[in-house]
């Protein structure tokens, strides 16, 4: 693997980590801000606004995950974990940690 390819893989991992955190953040905003505003305060516009934003973030995350996995180097188990973490509140933190570990270059001896 050339240094340029390795560096591009790290950049892709960090972009994926960003998409993961955006998706996770929009999920948390939807679940813990917009839904309570809808049901407790009678403000359904919060869900109408946040729902599509989260939907777009989720689709972007899944699209990026498919591209990253198709490039190779990911096991089926890791892929499933990253996908499941996208639908679990605070799961993005797990995914971000996993992606950060994979992006960090191994120490050379």
C-alpha atoms as a PDB file:
ATOM      1  CA  UNK A   1       0.000   0.000   0.000  1.00  0.00           C
ATOM      2  CA  UNK A   2       1.459   3.351  -1.007  1.00  0.00           C
ATOM      3  CA  UNK A   3       1.651   6.250   1.446  1.00  0.00           C
ATOM      4  CA  UNK A   4      -0.771   8.238  -0.724  1.00  0.00           C
ATOM      5  CA  UNK A   5      -3.366   5.449  -0.638  1.00  0.00           C
ATOM      6  CA  UNK A   6      -2.911   5.014   3.095  1.00  0.00           C
ATOM      7  CA  UNK A   7      -3.375   8.744   3.660  1.00  0.00           C
ATOM      8  CA  UNK A   8      -6.502   8.790   1.472  1.00  0.00           C
ATOM      9  CA  UNK A   9      -7.925   5.868   3.471  1.00  0.00           C
ATOM     10  CA  UNK A  10      -7.354   7.828   6.688  1.00  0.00           C
ATOM     11  CA  UNK A  11      -9.068  10.879   5.211  1.00  0.00           C
ATOM     12  CA  UNK A  12     -12.024   8.720   4.136  1.00  0.00           C
ATOM     13  CA  UNK A  13     -12.231   7.302   7.680  1.00  0.00           C
ATOM     14  CA  UNK A  14     -12.293  10.791   9.155  1.00  0.00           C
ATOM     15  CA  UNK A  15     -14.998  11.898   6.689  1.00  0.00           C
ATOM     16  CA  UNK A  16     -16.961   8.808   7.678  1.00  0.00           C
ATOM     17  CA  UNK A  17     -16.483   9.688  11.348  1.00  0.00           C
ATOM     18  CA  UNK A  18     -17.859  13.176  10.676  1.00  0.00           C
ATOM     19  CA  UNK A  19     -20.898  11.722   8.879  1.00  0.00           C
ATOM     20  CA  UNK A  20     -21.368   9.336  11.791  1.00  0.00           C
ATOM     21  CA  UNK A  21     -21.355  12.139  14.360  1.00  0.00           C
ATOM     22  CA  UNK A  22     -23.722  14.291  12.289  1.00  0.00           C
ATOM     23  CA  UNK A  23     -26.133  11.363  11.903  1.00  0.00           C
ATOM     24  CA  UNK A  24     -25.930  10.556  15.608  1.00  0.00           C
ATOM     25  CA  UNK A  25     -26.406  14.185  16.581  1.00  0.00           C
ATOM     26  CA  UNK A  26     -29.494  14.581  14.424  1.00  0.00           C
ATOM     27  CA  UNK A  27     -30.919  11.356  15.871  1.00  0.00           C
ATOM     28  CA  UNK A  28     -30.448  12.686  19.397  1.00  0.00           C
ATOM     29  CA  UNK A  29     -32.010  16.036  18.485  1.00  0.00           C
ATOM     30  CA  UNK A  30     -34.955  14.259  16.912  1.00  0.00           C
ATOM     31  CA  UNK A  31     -35.532  11.887  19.839  1.00  0.00           C
ATOM     32  CA  UNK A  32     -34.752  14.148  22.787  1.00  0.00           C
ATOM     33  CA  UNK A  33     -35.804  17.583  21.517  1.00  0.00           C
ATOM     34  CA  UNK A  34     -38.222  17.391  18.589  1.00  0.00           C
ATOM     35  CA  UNK A  35     -40.372  14.445  19.729  1.00  0.00           C
ATOM     36  CA  UNK A  36     -40.865  15.818  23.269  1.00  0.00           C
ATOM     37  CA  UNK A  37     -41.726  19.218  21.785  1.00  0.00           C
ATOM     38  CA  UNK A  38     -44.324  17.535  19.611  1.00  0.00           C
ATOM     39  CA  UNK A  39     -45.938  15.460  22.340  1.00  0.00           C
ATOM     40  CA  UNK A  40     -45.460  17.591  25.455  1.00  0.00           C
ATOM     41  CA  UNK A  41     -45.645  21.113  24.050  1.00  0.00           C
ATOM     42  CA  UNK A  42     -47.950  20.492  21.104  1.00  0.00           C
ATOM     43  CA  UNK A  43     -45.362  21.696  18.597  1.00  0.00           C
ATOM     44  CA  UNK A  44     -45.403  19.170  15.720  1.00  0.00           C
ATOM     45  CA  UNK A  45     -43.355  21.443  13.460  1.00  0.00           C
ATOM     46  CA  UNK A  46     -40.220  20.424  15.362  1.00  0.00           C
ATOM     47  CA  UNK A  47     -40.531  16.836  14.094  1.00  0.00           C
ATOM     48  CA  UNK A  48     -41.542  18.037  10.636  1.00  0.00           C
ATOM     49  CA  UNK A  49     -38.312  20.031  10.471  1.00  0.00           C
ATOM     50  CA  UNK A  50     -35.931  17.625  12.193  1.00  0.00           C
ATOM     51  CA  UNK A  51     -37.259  14.405  10.644  1.00  0.00           C
ATOM     52  CA  UNK A  52     -36.118  15.093   7.064  1.00  0.00           C
ATOM     53  CA  UNK A  53     -32.801  16.499   8.271  1.00  0.00           C
ATOM     54  CA  UNK A  54     -32.104  13.299  10.194  1.00  0.00           C
ATOM     55  CA  UNK A  55     -33.338  11.211   7.267  1.00  0.00           C
ATOM     56  CA  UNK A  56     -30.871  12.873   4.932  1.00  0.00           C
ATOM     57  CA  UNK A  57     -28.053  12.481   7.456  1.00  0.00           C
ATOM     58  CA  UNK A  58     -28.918   8.788   7.907  1.00  0.00           C
ATOM     59  CA  UNK A  59     -29.020   8.117   4.164  1.00  0.00           C
ATOM     60  CA  UNK A  60     -25.691   9.924   3.719  1.00  0.00           C
ATOM     61  CA  UNK A  61     -24.148   7.823   6.503  1.00  0.00           C
ATOM     62  CA  UNK A  62     -25.427   4.562   5.006  1.00  0.00           C
ATOM     63  CA  UNK A  63     -24.231   5.579   1.529  1.00  0.00           C
ATOM     64  CA  UNK A  64     -20.768   6.417   2.882  1.00  0.00           C
ATOM     65  CA  UNK A  65     -20.704   3.163   4.861  1.00  0.00           C
ATOM     66  CA  UNK A  66     -21.503   1.154   1.732  1.00  0.00           C
ATOM     67  CA  UNK A  67     -18.749   2.937  -0.207  1.00  0.00           C
ATOM     68  CA  UNK A  68     -16.227   2.424   2.586  1.00  0.00           C
ATOM     69  CA  UNK A  69     -17.048  -1.259   3.030  1.00  0.00           C
ATOM     70  CA  UNK A  70     -17.010  -1.929  -0.713  1.00  0.00           C
ATOM     71  CA  UNK A  71     -13.462  -0.545  -0.837  1.00  0.00           C
ATOM     72  CA  UNK A  72     -12.438  -3.481   1.345  1.00  0.00           C
ATOM     73  CA  UNK A  73     -10.801  -4.139   4.671  1.00  0.00           C
ATOM     74  CA  UNK A  74     -13.962  -4.365   6.766  1.00  0.00           C
ATOM     75  CA  UNK A  75     -15.401  -7.559   8.196  1.00  0.00           C
ATOM     76  CA  UNK A  76     -19.090  -8.352   8.039  1.00  0.00           C
ATOM     77  CA  UNK A  77     -19.301  -8.056  11.838  1.00  0.00           C
ATOM     78  CA  UNK A  78     -17.757  -4.585  11.876  1.00  0.00           C
ATOM     79  CA  UNK A  79     -20.100  -3.460   9.119  1.00  0.00           C
ATOM     80  CA  UNK A  80     -23.170  -4.740  10.960  1.00  0.00           C
ATOM     81  CA  UNK A  81     -22.033  -3.053  14.185  1.00  0.00           C
ATOM     82  CA  UNK A  82     -21.597   0.277  12.399  1.00  0.00           C
ATOM     83  CA  UNK A  83     -25.025  -0.065  10.814  1.00  0.00           C
ATOM     84  CA  UNK A  84     -26.793  -1.030  14.058  1.00  0.00           C
ATOM     85  CA  UNK A  85     -25.048   1.792  15.928  1.00  0.00           C
ATOM     86  CA  UNK A  86     -26.664   4.244  13.500  1.00  0.00           C
ATOM     87  CA  UNK A  87     -30.157   3.417  14.761  1.00  0.00           C
ATOM     88  CA  UNK A  88     -29.340   3.286  18.479  1.00  0.00           C
ATOM     89  CA  UNK A  89     -29.237   6.548  20.445  1.00  0.00           C
ATOM     90  CA  UNK A  90     -25.622   7.341  21.379  1.00  0.00           C
ATOM     91  CA  UNK A  91     -24.479   4.543  19.057  1.00  0.00           C
ATOM     92  CA  UNK A  92     -22.635   7.135  16.996  1.00  0.00           C
ATOM     93  CA  UNK A  93     -20.139   7.469  19.839  1.00  0.00           C
ATOM     94  CA  UNK A  94     -19.277   3.772  19.458  1.00  0.00           C
ATOM     95  CA  UNK A  95     -18.965   4.143  15.695  1.00  0.00           C
ATOM     96  CA  UNK A  96     -16.857   7.285  15.955  1.00  0.00           C
ATOM     97  CA  UNK A  97     -14.457   5.539  18.322  1.00  0.00           C
ATOM     98  CA  UNK A  98     -14.205   2.550  15.968  1.00  0.00           C
ATOM     99  CA  UNK A  99     -13.559   4.799  12.974  1.00  0.00           C
ATOM    100  CA  UNK A 100     -10.979   6.867  14.869  1.00  0.00           C
ATOM    101  CA  UNK A 101      -9.080   3.705  15.817  1.00  0.00           C
ATOM    102  CA  UNK A 102      -9.057   2.525  12.216  1.00  0.00           C
ATOM    103  CA  UNK A 103      -7.895   5.949  10.984  1.00  0.00           C
ATOM    104  CA  UNK A 104      -5.035   6.192  13.446  1.00  0.00           C
ATOM    105  CA  UNK A 105      -1.835   4.945  11.860  1.00  0.00           C
ATOM    106  CA  UNK A 106      -0.177   1.994  13.512  1.00  0.00           C
ATOM    107  CA  UNK A 107       3.002   2.874  15.383  1.00  0.00           C
ATOM    108  CA  UNK A 108       6.111   1.926  13.473  1.00  0.00           C
ATOM    109  CA  UNK A 109       8.904   0.159  15.275  1.00  0.00           C
END
